[in-house]
Amino acid sequence: MKNLARLFGLFLVTLPVTSNAVNFSPTMDSYVRSDYPDTNYGASTWMQSGPDVTNHFHNYLQFNLSSIPSSSIINSAILYQYIFETNGPTIALIHPIKNDTAWSETTLTWNNRPPGTIECGTCLTPPTTVQWMQLDVKTAVQNWVNGSWENYGLRVITAGDFYFKTYTKENSSFQPYLTVDYSPGTKVVTPSLGVIKAFFKPTL
């Protein structure tokens, strides 16, 4: 009985948890505009969010996070976009793309744009010209990693009557990126068959 209790104890042994910070570049990014509803801008070096007079612009980004273990705890997830132009104070709104709504950088237009869902992030730095805007997207990343949501990326729009322009991944110096800090979780140590046999070996 004592050996059996010790064996079960082995299954409860965990290894130390470490934190990992990783940067991800977009696998896709683009924008759409209402005044050119059938035009694709996937090759553009910049993208826009927010209205411009009477027209509307949304930008889209997607990141491949498959390298993060599904059991991970997301400590933080910050999306960085470099703003090079804006026409006034506004705030960015971040929405995950609705499940089962895939899109392609080379075919995305205003007319086929995927809808966003509930707001999932916070704008940490107000969009002002010539700076890295930081967007807290921890909620979305955690749900993508653990499989609660399907990862179809993010839509970024504005809450007011102003717009901002940011660079896309086609601009190697100022492309957007996502920084994720995560802990992979505890690791249960499973005893080998040899260890199990040793524990149950009869004593002489």
N, C-alpha and C. Protein backbone atom coordinates (compact mmCIF):
# COMPACT_ATOMS: atom_id res chain seq x y z
N MET A 1 0.83 -1.21 0.00
CA MET A 1 0.00 0.00 0.00
C MET A 1 0.87 1.26 0.00
N LYS A 2 1.98 1.19 0.75
CA LYS A 2 2.87 2.35 0.81
C LYS A 2 3.48 2.62 -0.55
N ASN A 3 3.87 1.56 -1.23
CA ASN A 3 4.43 1.72 -2.58
C ASN A 3 3.42 2.33 -3.53
N LEU A 4 2.14 1.91 -3.42
CA LEU A 4 1.09 2.42 -4.29
C LEU A 4 0.88 3.92 -4.05
N ALA A 5 0.90 4.33 -2.81
CA ALA A 5 0.74 5.76 -2.49
C ALA A 5 1.90 6.56 -3.06
N ARG A 6 3.09 6.02 -2.96
CA ARG A 6 4.26 6.73 -3.50
C ARG A 6 4.17 6.82 -5.02
N LEU A 7 3.66 5.78 -5.66
CA LEU A 7 3.51 5.78 -7.12
C LEU A 7 2.54 6.87 -7.55
N PHE A 8 1.39 6.97 -6.90
CA PHE A 8 0.43 8.01 -7.23
C PHE A 8 1.03 9.38 -7.04
N GLY A 9 1.92 9.49 -6.05
CA GLY A 9 2.58 10.77 -5.81
C GLY A 9 3.40 11.21 -6.99
N LEU A 10 3.95 10.25 -7.72
CA LEU A 10 4.75 10.59 -8.89
C LEU A 10 3.91 11.29 -9.95
N PHE A 11 2.65 10.89 -10.08
CA PHE A 11 1.78 11.49 -11.09
C PHE A 11 1.48 12.95 -10.76
N LEU A 12 1.70 13.36 -9.51
CA LEU A 12 1.38 14.72 -9.10
C LEU A 12 2.59 15.63 -9.13
N VAL A 13 3.75 15.08 -9.45
CA VAL A 13 4.95 15.90 -9.52
C VAL A 13 4.85 16.83 -10.72
N THR A 14 5.15 18.11 -10.52
CA THR A 14 5.11 19.09 -11.61
C THR A 14 6.45 19.78 -11.73
N LEU A 15 6.76 20.18 -12.94
CA LEU A 15 7.99 20.90 -13.20
C LEU A 15 7.74 22.40 -13.09
N PRO A 16 8.79 23.20 -12.80
CA PRO A 16 8.62 24.65 -12.68
C PRO A 16 8.05 25.26 -13.95
N VAL A 17 7.19 26.27 -13.77
CA VAL A 17 6.58 26.95 -14.90
C VAL A 17 7.42 28.17 -15.26
N THR A 18 7.73 28.33 -16.52
CA THR A 18 8.50 29.49 -16.97
C THR A 18 7.64 30.37 -17.85
N SER A 19 8.03 31.61 -17.96
CA SER A 19 7.31 32.56 -18.79
C SER A 19 8.07 32.76 -20.10
N ASN A 20 7.33 32.83 -21.19
CA ASN A 20 7.93 33.00 -22.50
C ASN A 20 7.34 34.22 -23.19
N ALA A 21 8.18 35.08 -23.73
CA ALA A 21 7.72 36.23 -24.49
C ALA A 21 8.13 36.05 -25.94
N VAL A 22 7.14 36.08 -26.83
CA VAL A 22 7.39 35.81 -28.25
C VAL A 22 6.73 36.88 -29.10
N ASN A 23 7.43 37.31 -30.15
CA ASN A 23 6.86 38.27 -31.11
C ASN A 23 6.38 37.53 -32.35
N PHE A 24 5.20 37.92 -32.83
CA PHE A 24 4.63 37.33 -34.03
C PHE A 24 4.38 38.42 -35.07
N SER A 25 4.79 38.16 -36.29
CA SER A 25 4.46 39.04 -37.41
C SER A 25 3.14 38.56 -38.01
N PRO A 26 2.39 39.45 -38.65
CA PRO A 26 1.12 39.01 -39.24
C PRO A 26 1.36 38.00 -40.37
N THR A 27 0.49 37.03 -40.45
CA THR A 27 0.49 36.16 -41.63
C THR A 27 -0.30 36.84 -42.74
N MET A 28 -1.27 37.69 -42.35
CA MET A 28 -2.05 38.48 -43.30
C MET A 28 -2.41 39.81 -42.65
N ASP A 29 -2.46 40.85 -43.45
CA ASP A 29 -3.04 42.13 -43.00
C ASP A 29 -3.48 42.93 -44.23
N SER A 30 -4.54 43.68 -44.07
CA SER A 30 -5.08 44.47 -45.16
C SER A 30 -6.13 45.41 -44.61
N TYR A 31 -6.72 46.21 -45.49
CA TYR A 31 -7.82 47.06 -45.07
C TYR A 31 -8.88 47.10 -46.18
N VAL A 32 -10.05 47.58 -45.81
CA VAL A 32 -11.14 47.73 -46.79
C VAL A 32 -11.71 49.14 -46.65
N ARG A 33 -12.30 49.64 -47.75
CA ARG A 33 -12.89 50.98 -47.73
C ARG A 33 -14.21 50.98 -48.49
N SER A 34 -15.16 51.73 -47.93
CA SER A 34 -16.52 51.69 -48.46
C SER A 34 -16.68 52.37 -49.81
N ASP A 35 -15.79 53.32 -50.13
CA ASP A 35 -15.93 54.03 -51.41
C ASP A 35 -15.38 53.23 -52.59
N TYR A 36 -14.59 52.18 -52.29
CA TYR A 36 -14.12 51.26 -53.34
C TYR A 36 -14.44 49.84 -52.86
N PRO A 37 -15.72 49.48 -52.89
CA PRO A 37 -16.18 48.27 -52.21
C PRO A 37 -15.70 46.95 -52.81
N ASP A 38 -15.20 46.98 -54.04
CA ASP A 38 -14.74 45.75 -54.68
C ASP A 38 -13.23 45.72 -54.89
N THR A 39 -12.52 46.67 -54.31
CA THR A 39 -11.07 46.76 -54.50
C THR A 39 -10.34 46.08 -53.34
N ASN A 40 -9.31 45.32 -53.70
CA ASN A 40 -8.48 44.64 -52.70
C ASN A 40 -7.19 45.44 -52.47
N TYR A 41 -6.79 45.57 -51.19
CA TYR A 41 -5.60 46.34 -50.84
C TYR A 41 -4.56 45.48 -50.11
N GLY A 42 -4.57 44.18 -50.39
CA GLY A 42 -3.67 43.27 -49.69
C GLY A 42 -2.19 43.54 -49.89
N ALA A 43 -1.80 44.18 -50.98
CA ALA A 43 -0.40 44.46 -51.26
C ALA A 43 0.03 45.84 -50.78
N SER A 44 -0.88 46.58 -50.17
CA SER A 44 -0.57 47.94 -49.73
C SER A 44 0.45 47.94 -48.58
N THR A 45 1.27 48.97 -48.53
CA THR A 45 2.25 49.11 -47.43
C THR A 45 1.66 49.84 -46.23
N TRP A 46 0.41 50.27 -46.33
CA TRP A 46 -0.26 50.93 -45.22
C TRP A 46 -1.73 50.53 -45.20
N MET A 47 -2.39 50.79 -44.08
CA MET A 47 -3.82 50.54 -43.98
C MET A 47 -4.44 51.58 -43.04
N GLN A 48 -5.74 51.73 -43.15
CA GLN A 48 -6.44 52.80 -42.43
C GLN A 48 -7.60 52.24 -41.62
N SER A 49 -7.84 52.88 -40.48
CA SER A 49 -9.03 52.61 -39.67
C SER A 49 -9.77 53.91 -39.46
N GLY A 50 -11.09 53.84 -39.50
CA GLY A 50 -11.90 55.02 -39.21
C GLY A 50 -12.39 55.73 -40.44
N PRO A 51 -13.36 56.62 -40.27
CA PRO A 51 -13.97 57.32 -41.41
C PRO A 51 -13.08 58.42 -41.97
N ASP A 52 -13.24 58.67 -43.24
CA ASP A 52 -12.57 59.76 -43.93
C ASP A 52 -13.66 60.51 -44.70
N VAL A 53 -14.14 61.61 -44.10
CA VAL A 53 -15.29 62.36 -44.61
C VAL A 53 -16.52 61.44 -44.50
N THR A 54 -16.98 60.88 -45.62
CA THR A 54 -18.17 60.02 -45.56
C THR A 54 -17.85 58.55 -45.80
N ASN A 55 -16.58 58.24 -46.02
CA ASN A 55 -16.20 56.86 -46.30
C ASN A 55 -15.69 56.17 -45.03
N HIS A 56 -15.76 54.85 -45.02
CA HIS A 56 -15.35 54.09 -43.84
C HIS A 56 -14.24 53.10 -44.19
N PHE A 57 -13.33 52.91 -43.23
CA PHE A 57 -12.18 52.04 -43.42
C PHE A 57 -12.05 51.11 -42.21
N HIS A 58 -11.77 49.83 -42.47
CA HIS A 58 -11.49 48.86 -41.41
C HIS A 58 -10.18 48.18 -41.73
N ASN A 59 -9.35 47.93 -40.73
CA ASN A 59 -8.16 47.13 -41.03
C ASN A 59 -8.24 45.77 -40.36
N TYR A 60 -7.58 44.79 -40.98
CA TYR A 60 -7.65 43.39 -40.56
C TYR A 60 -6.25 42.82 -40.41
N LEU A 61 -6.08 41.99 -39.37
CA LEU A 61 -4.79 41.33 -39.15
C LEU A 61 -5.04 39.92 -38.65
N GLN A 62 -4.13 39.01 -39.02
CA GLN A 62 -4.19 37.65 -38.52
C GLN A 62 -2.79 37.16 -38.20
N PHE A 63 -2.67 36.39 -37.10
CA PHE A 63 -1.39 35.87 -36.64
C PHE A 63 -1.50 34.36 -36.41
N ASN A 64 -0.45 33.64 -36.77
CA ASN A 64 -0.40 32.21 -36.54
C ASN A 64 0.20 31.96 -35.15
N LEU A 65 -0.63 31.48 -34.23
CA LEU A 65 -0.20 31.27 -32.85
C LEU A 65 -0.08 29.78 -32.51
N SER A 66 0.03 28.93 -33.52
CA SER A 66 0.04 27.49 -33.30
C SER A 66 1.25 27.02 -32.50
N SER A 67 2.29 27.83 -32.40
CA SER A 67 3.48 27.43 -31.64
C SER A 67 3.27 27.54 -30.13
N ILE A 68 2.19 28.19 -29.70
CA ILE A 68 1.90 28.31 -28.27
C ILE A 68 1.09 27.09 -27.83
N PRO A 69 1.54 26.34 -26.83
CA PRO A 69 0.79 25.16 -26.37
C PRO A 69 -0.63 25.54 -25.93
N SER A 70 -1.57 24.66 -26.23
CA SER A 70 -2.98 24.97 -25.96
C SER A 70 -3.29 25.09 -24.48
N SER A 71 -2.46 24.51 -23.63
CA SER A 71 -2.70 24.59 -22.18
C SER A 71 -2.11 25.85 -21.55
N SER A 72 -1.52 26.70 -22.36
CA SER A 72 -0.81 27.87 -21.84
C SER A 72 -1.73 28.89 -21.19
N ILE A 73 -1.18 29.58 -20.22
CA ILE A 73 -1.83 30.74 -19.62
C ILE A 73 -1.23 31.99 -20.26
N ILE A 74 -2.07 32.83 -20.86
CA ILE A 74 -1.58 34.05 -21.50
C ILE A 74 -1.47 35.14 -20.44
N ASN A 75 -0.24 35.57 -20.18
CA ASN A 75 0.00 36.62 -19.20
C ASN A 75 -0.28 38.01 -19.77
N SER A 76 0.08 38.19 -21.03
CA SER A 76 -0.20 39.45 -21.72
C SER A 76 -0.10 39.23 -23.22
N ALA A 77 -0.83 40.04 -23.97
CA ALA A 77 -0.77 39.98 -25.44
C ALA A 77 -1.03 41.39 -25.96
N ILE A 78 0.00 42.00 -26.54
CA ILE A 78 -0.08 43.38 -26.99
C ILE A 78 0.16 43.45 -28.50
N LEU A 79 -0.81 44.04 -29.20
CA LEU A 79 -0.67 44.28 -30.63
C LEU A 79 -0.09 45.68 -30.83
N TYR A 80 0.99 45.77 -31.60
CA TYR A 80 1.63 47.05 -31.89
C TYR A 80 1.38 47.43 -33.34
N GLN A 81 0.89 48.65 -33.55
CA GLN A 81 0.73 49.20 -34.89
C GLN A 81 1.33 50.60 -34.92
N TYR A 82 2.13 50.86 -35.95
CA TYR A 82 2.82 52.15 -36.03
C TYR A 82 1.97 53.16 -36.79
N ILE A 83 1.56 54.20 -36.10
CA ILE A 83 0.72 55.25 -36.71
C ILE A 83 1.61 56.32 -37.33
N PHE A 84 1.39 56.57 -38.62
CA PHE A 84 2.15 57.62 -39.28
C PHE A 84 1.28 58.80 -39.70
N GLU A 85 -0.04 58.66 -39.54
CA GLU A 85 -0.93 59.78 -39.89
C GLU A 85 -2.26 59.62 -39.16
N THR A 86 -2.79 60.73 -38.66
CA THR A 86 -4.13 60.76 -38.09
C THR A 86 -4.67 62.17 -38.22
N ASN A 87 -5.98 62.33 -38.23
CA ASN A 87 -6.56 63.67 -38.39
C ASN A 87 -7.26 64.17 -37.13
N GLY A 88 -7.02 63.50 -36.01
CA GLY A 88 -7.63 63.99 -34.78
C GLY A 88 -7.69 62.91 -33.72
N PRO A 89 -8.08 63.27 -32.51
CA PRO A 89 -8.13 62.30 -31.41
C PRO A 89 -9.24 61.28 -31.61
N THR A 90 -8.92 60.04 -31.40
CA THR A 90 -9.90 58.97 -31.52
C THR A 90 -9.46 57.81 -30.66
N ILE A 91 -10.18 56.73 -30.71
CA ILE A 91 -9.81 55.53 -29.96
C ILE A 91 -10.03 54.33 -30.85
N ALA A 92 -9.16 53.35 -30.72
CA ALA A 92 -9.27 52.14 -31.54
C ALA A 92 -10.15 51.11 -30.84
N LEU A 93 -10.96 50.42 -31.64
CA LEU A 93 -11.78 49.32 -31.13
C LEU A 93 -11.33 48.03 -31.79
N ILE A 94 -11.16 46.98 -31.00
CA ILE A 94 -10.62 45.72 -31.50
C ILE A 94 -11.68 44.63 -31.37
N HIS A 95 -11.93 43.93 -32.48
CA HIS A 95 -12.92 42.85 -32.48
C HIS A 95 -12.32 41.60 -33.12
N PRO A 96 -12.51 40.43 -32.52
CA PRO A 96 -12.11 39.20 -33.20
C PRO A 96 -13.05 38.93 -34.36
N ILE A 97 -12.53 38.30 -35.40
CA ILE A 97 -13.37 37.96 -36.54
C ILE A 97 -14.29 36.80 -36.15
N LYS A 98 -15.52 36.87 -36.60
CA LYS A 98 -16.52 35.87 -36.26
C LYS A 98 -16.07 34.47 -36.68
N ASN A 99 -16.36 33.49 -35.82
CA ASN A 99 -16.04 32.10 -36.14
C ASN A 99 -16.60 31.68 -37.49
N ASP A 100 -15.86 30.81 -38.17
CA ASP A 100 -16.26 30.28 -39.48
C ASP A 100 -16.29 31.36 -40.56
N THR A 101 -15.53 32.44 -40.35
CA THR A 101 -15.51 33.51 -41.34
C THR A 101 -14.07 33.78 -41.76
N ALA A 102 -13.54 32.89 -42.58
CA ALA A 102 -12.17 33.05 -43.05
C ALA A 102 -12.09 34.15 -44.10
N TRP A 103 -10.92 34.76 -44.23
CA TRP A 103 -10.70 35.78 -45.24
C TRP A 103 -9.29 35.62 -45.79
N SER A 104 -9.06 36.22 -46.93
CA SER A 104 -7.75 36.14 -47.56
C SER A 104 -7.23 37.54 -47.84
N GLU A 105 -5.96 37.73 -47.59
CA GLU A 105 -5.32 39.03 -47.84
C GLU A 105 -5.44 39.45 -49.30
N THR A 106 -5.44 38.50 -50.20
CA THR A 106 -5.43 38.82 -51.64
C THR A 106 -6.82 39.01 -52.23
N THR A 107 -7.86 38.71 -51.47
CA THR A 107 -9.22 38.84 -52.01
C THR A 107 -10.14 39.70 -51.14
N LEU A 108 -9.69 40.12 -49.98
CA LEU A 108 -10.52 40.89 -49.05
C LEU A 108 -10.96 42.22 -49.65
N THR A 109 -12.25 42.51 -49.60
CA THR A 109 -12.80 43.79 -50.04
C THR A 109 -13.87 44.23 -49.07
N TRP A 110 -14.37 45.44 -49.26
CA TRP A 110 -15.46 45.93 -48.42
C TRP A 110 -16.70 45.04 -48.56
N ASN A 111 -16.98 44.60 -49.76
CA ASN A 111 -18.20 43.82 -49.99
C ASN A 111 -18.15 42.40 -49.44
N ASN A 112 -16.95 41.84 -49.27
CA ASN A 112 -16.87 40.48 -48.73
C ASN A 112 -16.19 40.44 -47.35
N ARG A 113 -16.05 41.59 -46.72
CA ARG A 113 -15.34 41.67 -45.44
C ARG A 113 -16.04 40.81 -44.38
N PRO A 114 -15.27 40.13 -43.53
CA PRO A 114 -15.88 39.32 -42.47
C PRO A 114 -16.32 40.20 -41.31
N PRO A 115 -17.41 39.85 -40.65
CA PRO A 115 -17.89 40.65 -39.52
C PRO A 115 -17.05 40.41 -38.28
N GLY A 116 -16.99 41.42 -37.43
CA GLY A 116 -16.36 41.26 -36.13
C GLY A 116 -17.40 40.83 -35.12
N THR A 117 -16.95 40.44 -33.94
CA THR A 117 -17.87 40.07 -32.87
C THR A 117 -17.74 41.08 -31.74
N ILE A 118 -17.94 40.66 -30.51
CA ILE A 118 -17.88 41.59 -29.37
C ILE A 118 -16.47 42.16 -29.23
N GLU A 119 -16.40 43.35 -28.67
CA GLU A 119 -15.10 43.98 -28.48
C GLU A 119 -14.24 43.12 -27.56
N CYS A 120 -12.98 42.93 -27.94
CA CYS A 120 -12.14 42.00 -27.18
C CYS A 120 -10.84 42.61 -26.70
N GLY A 121 -10.65 43.92 -26.90
CA GLY A 121 -9.38 44.51 -26.53
C GLY A 121 -9.51 45.93 -26.04
N THR A 122 -8.38 46.46 -25.60
CA THR A 122 -8.33 47.82 -25.07
C THR A 122 -7.20 48.57 -25.74
N CYS A 123 -7.47 49.81 -26.12
CA CYS A 123 -6.43 50.67 -26.70
C CYS A 123 -5.64 51.28 -25.55
N LEU A 124 -4.36 50.90 -25.42
CA LEU A 124 -3.55 51.37 -24.30
C LEU A 124 -2.90 52.71 -24.56
N THR A 125 -2.70 53.05 -25.83
CA THR A 125 -2.12 54.35 -26.18
C THR A 125 -3.00 55.03 -27.22
N PRO A 126 -3.46 56.24 -26.96
CA PRO A 126 -4.32 56.95 -27.92
C PRO A 126 -3.62 57.08 -29.27
N PRO A 127 -4.36 56.91 -30.35
CA PRO A 127 -3.75 57.02 -31.69
C PRO A 127 -3.32 58.45 -31.99
N THR A 128 -2.05 58.72 -31.91
CA THR A 128 -1.50 60.01 -32.31
C THR A 128 -0.37 59.75 -33.30
N THR A 129 -0.05 60.76 -34.07
CA THR A 129 0.87 60.58 -35.19
C THR A 129 2.28 60.21 -34.74
N VAL A 130 2.91 59.34 -35.52
CA VAL A 130 4.31 58.92 -35.36
C VAL A 130 4.54 58.29 -33.99
N GLN A 131 3.91 57.16 -33.77
CA GLN A 131 4.15 56.41 -32.54
C GLN A 131 3.63 54.99 -32.71
N TRP A 132 4.08 54.13 -31.83
CA TRP A 132 3.58 52.76 -31.78
C TRP A 132 2.33 52.75 -30.90
N MET A 133 1.20 52.48 -31.49
CA MET A 133 -0.03 52.31 -30.73
C MET A 133 -0.05 50.89 -30.16
N GLN A 134 -0.42 50.77 -28.89
CA GLN A 134 -0.48 49.47 -28.24
C GLN A 134 -1.93 49.08 -27.95
N LEU A 135 -2.29 47.88 -28.36
CA LEU A 135 -3.64 47.37 -28.17
C LEU A 135 -3.58 46.08 -27.36
N ASP A 136 -4.27 46.06 -26.24
CA ASP A 136 -4.29 44.89 -25.38
C ASP A 136 -5.29 43.88 -25.94
N VAL A 137 -4.80 42.74 -26.42
CA VAL A 137 -5.67 41.72 -27.02
C VAL A 137 -5.52 40.38 -26.28
N LYS A 138 -5.25 40.44 -24.99
CA LYS A 138 -5.05 39.23 -24.19
C LYS A 138 -6.26 38.30 -24.24
N THR A 139 -7.47 38.86 -24.16
CA THR A 139 -8.68 38.04 -24.15
C THR A 139 -8.78 37.20 -25.42
N ALA A 140 -8.56 37.84 -26.56
CA ALA A 140 -8.64 37.12 -27.84
C ALA A 140 -7.59 36.03 -27.93
N VAL A 141 -6.35 36.36 -27.59
CA VAL A 141 -5.26 35.39 -27.70
C VAL A 141 -5.50 34.18 -26.79
N GLN A 142 -5.94 34.41 -25.56
CA GLN A 142 -6.20 33.30 -24.65
C GLN A 142 -7.27 32.36 -25.21
N ASN A 143 -8.33 32.95 -25.76
CA ASN A 143 -9.40 32.13 -26.32
C ASN A 143 -8.98 31.40 -27.59
N TRP A 144 -8.12 32.02 -28.40
CA TRP A 144 -7.61 31.34 -29.58
C TRP A 144 -6.73 30.16 -29.20
N VAL A 145 -5.84 30.39 -28.24
CA VAL A 145 -4.88 29.36 -27.85
C VAL A 145 -5.58 28.16 -27.23
N ASN A 146 -6.54 28.39 -26.35
CA ASN A 146 -7.18 27.25 -25.70
C ASN A 146 -8.31 26.63 -26.52
N GLY A 147 -8.59 27.20 -27.69
CA GLY A 147 -9.56 26.62 -28.59
C GLY A 147 -11.00 27.05 -28.38
N SER A 148 -11.23 28.00 -27.48
CA SER A 148 -12.60 28.49 -27.26
C SER A 148 -13.11 29.26 -28.47
N TRP A 149 -12.20 29.98 -29.14
CA TRP A 149 -12.55 30.69 -30.37
C TRP A 149 -11.67 30.17 -31.50
N GLU A 150 -12.20 30.22 -32.70
CA GLU A 150 -11.38 29.96 -33.87
C GLU A 150 -10.61 31.24 -34.22
N ASN A 151 -9.37 31.06 -34.60
CA ASN A 151 -8.52 32.22 -34.87
C ASN A 151 -8.64 32.66 -36.33
N TYR A 152 -9.50 33.65 -36.54
CA TYR A 152 -9.61 34.27 -37.86
C TYR A 152 -9.10 35.71 -37.83
N GLY A 153 -8.37 36.04 -36.77
CA GLY A 153 -7.74 37.35 -36.72
C GLY A 153 -8.60 38.42 -36.07
N LEU A 154 -8.17 39.68 -36.31
CA LEU A 154 -8.76 40.85 -35.66
C LEU A 154 -9.19 41.89 -36.68
N ARG A 155 -10.21 42.64 -36.31
CA ARG A 155 -10.60 43.83 -37.06
C ARG A 155 -10.38 45.04 -36.15
N VAL A 156 -9.74 46.07 -36.67
CA VAL A 156 -9.50 47.29 -35.90
C VAL A 156 -10.24 48.44 -36.57
N ILE A 157 -11.11 49.10 -35.80
CA ILE A 157 -11.85 50.25 -36.29
C ILE A 157 -11.72 51.38 -35.27
N THR A 158 -12.36 52.51 -35.52
CA THR A 158 -12.30 53.61 -34.57
C THR A 158 -13.69 53.90 -34.00
N ALA A 159 -13.69 54.58 -32.85
CA ALA A 159 -14.95 54.87 -32.16
C ALA A 159 -15.51 56.24 -32.50
N GLY A 160 -14.70 57.09 -33.12
CA GLY A 160 -15.14 58.45 -33.38
C GLY A 160 -15.17 58.80 -34.85
N ASP A 161 -15.06 60.10 -35.12
CA ASP A 161 -15.14 60.60 -36.49
C ASP A 161 -13.77 60.82 -37.12
N PHE A 162 -12.75 60.28 -36.50
CA PHE A 162 -11.39 60.49 -37.00
C PHE A 162 -10.77 59.16 -37.41
N TYR A 163 -9.71 59.24 -38.19
CA TYR A 163 -9.05 58.04 -38.69
C TYR A 163 -7.59 58.02 -38.29
N PHE A 164 -6.97 56.88 -38.44
CA PHE A 164 -5.51 56.79 -38.33
C PHE A 164 -5.00 55.79 -39.35
N LYS A 165 -3.78 56.02 -39.81
CA LYS A 165 -3.14 55.14 -40.78
C LYS A 165 -1.93 54.47 -40.14
N THR A 166 -1.79 53.18 -40.40
CA THR A 166 -0.66 52.42 -39.87
C THR A 166 0.01 51.65 -41.02
N TYR A 167 1.23 51.23 -40.79
CA TYR A 167 1.94 50.44 -41.80
C TYR A 167 1.52 48.97 -41.72
N THR A 168 1.67 48.26 -42.84
CA THR A 168 1.37 46.83 -42.90
C THR A 168 2.66 46.02 -42.87
N LYS A 169 2.53 44.70 -42.95
CA LYS A 169 3.70 43.83 -42.94
C LYS A 169 4.59 44.04 -44.16
N GLU A 170 4.05 44.69 -45.20
CA GLU A 170 4.87 44.99 -46.39
C GLU A 170 5.93 46.06 -46.10
N ASN A 171 5.80 46.76 -44.99
CA ASN A 171 6.82 47.72 -44.58
C ASN A 171 7.67 47.05 -43.50
N SER A 172 8.84 46.57 -43.87
CA SER A 172 9.66 45.76 -42.96
C SER A 172 10.14 46.53 -41.74
N SER A 173 10.23 47.84 -41.83
CA SER A 173 10.75 48.64 -40.71
C SER A 173 9.69 48.92 -39.65
N PHE A 174 8.43 49.03 -40.06
CA PHE A 174 7.37 49.42 -39.13
C PHE A 174 6.15 48.51 -39.23
N GLN A 175 6.36 47.25 -39.57
CA GLN A 175 5.23 46.34 -39.69
C GLN A 175 4.61 46.08 -38.32
N PRO A 176 3.31 45.82 -38.27
CA PRO A 176 2.68 45.50 -36.99
C PRO A 176 3.22 44.18 -36.45
N TYR A 177 3.13 44.02 -35.14
CA TYR A 177 3.55 42.76 -34.55
C TYR A 177 2.79 42.53 -33.25
N LEU A 178 2.72 41.28 -32.85
CA LEU A 178 2.01 40.88 -31.65
C LEU A 178 3.01 40.27 -30.68
N THR A 179 3.08 40.81 -29.47
CA THR A 179 3.95 40.28 -28.43
C THR A 179 3.11 39.51 -27.41
N VAL A 180 3.38 38.23 -27.28
CA VAL A 180 2.63 37.38 -26.35
C VAL A 180 3.56 36.86 -25.27
N ASP A 181 3.20 37.10 -24.03
CA ASP A 181 3.92 36.53 -22.89
C ASP A 181 3.02 35.44 -22.31
N TYR A 182 3.53 34.22 -22.24
CA TYR A 182 2.70 33.12 -21.77
C TYR A 182 3.49 32.15 -20.89
N SER A 183 2.77 31.46 -20.05
CA SER A 183 3.31 30.37 -19.24
C SER A 183 2.70 29.08 -19.75
N PRO A 184 3.52 28.08 -20.07
CA PRO A 184 2.99 26.86 -20.67
C PRO A 184 2.20 25.98 -19.71
N GLY A 185 2.12 26.35 -18.44
CA GLY A 185 1.36 25.54 -17.49
C GLY A 185 2.23 24.49 -16.83
N THR A 186 1.69 23.82 -15.84
CA THR A 186 2.46 22.80 -15.13
C THR A 186 2.55 21.54 -15.97
N LYS A 187 3.61 20.82 -15.78
CA LYS A 187 3.83 19.59 -16.53
C LYS A 187 3.84 18.41 -15.57
N VAL A 188 2.91 17.49 -15.79
CA VAL A 188 2.84 16.30 -14.95
C VAL A 188 3.88 15.29 -15.42
N VAL A 189 4.66 14.78 -14.46
CA VAL A 189 5.68 13.79 -14.79
C VAL A 189 5.09 12.40 -14.67
N THR A 190 5.06 11.66 -15.76
CA THR A 190 4.51 10.32 -15.76
C THR A 190 5.63 9.31 -15.57
N PRO A 191 5.55 8.42 -14.58
CA PRO A 191 6.62 7.45 -14.36
C PRO A 191 6.72 6.46 -15.52
N SER A 192 7.95 6.02 -15.79
CA SER A 192 8.16 5.04 -16.84
C SER A 192 7.75 3.65 -16.37
N LEU A 193 7.64 2.73 -17.30
CA LEU A 193 7.26 1.37 -16.96
C LEU A 193 8.28 0.75 -16.01
N GLY A 194 9.55 1.10 -16.23
CA GLY A 194 10.59 0.57 -15.36
C GLY A 194 10.42 1.03 -13.92
N VAL A 195 10.05 2.29 -13.75
CA VAL A 195 9.84 2.83 -12.40
C VAL A 195 8.66 2.13 -11.74
N ILE A 196 7.59 1.91 -12.53
CA ILE A 196 6.40 1.25 -11.99
C ILE A 196 6.77 -0.16 -11.51
N LYS A 197 7.54 -0.92 -12.31
CA LYS A 197 7.92 -2.26 -11.93
C LYS A 197 8.78 -2.25 -10.67
N ALA A 198 9.65 -1.24 -10.57
CA ALA A 198 10.52 -1.16 -9.40
C ALA A 198 9.71 -0.93 -8.14
N PHE A 199 8.65 -0.14 -8.24
CA PHE A 199 7.84 0.14 -7.06
C PHE A 199 7.07 -1.09 -6.60
N PHE A 200 6.72 -1.96 -7.53
CA PHE A 200 5.92 -3.13 -7.16
C PHE A 200 6.77 -4.40 -7.04
N LYS A 201 8.07 -4.26 -7.14
CA LYS A 201 8.95 -5.42 -7.00
C LYS A 201 8.88 -5.94 -5.58
N PRO A 202 8.60 -7.20 -5.40
CA PRO A 202 8.50 -7.73 -4.03
C PRO A 202 9.81 -7.66 -3.31
N THR A 203 9.74 -7.36 -2.04
CA THR A 203 10.95 -7.29 -1.22
C THR A 203 11.33 -8.69 -0.75
N LEU A 204 12.62 -8.94 -0.65
CA LEU A 204 13.11 -10.28 -0.23
C LEU A 204 13.30 -10.31 1.28
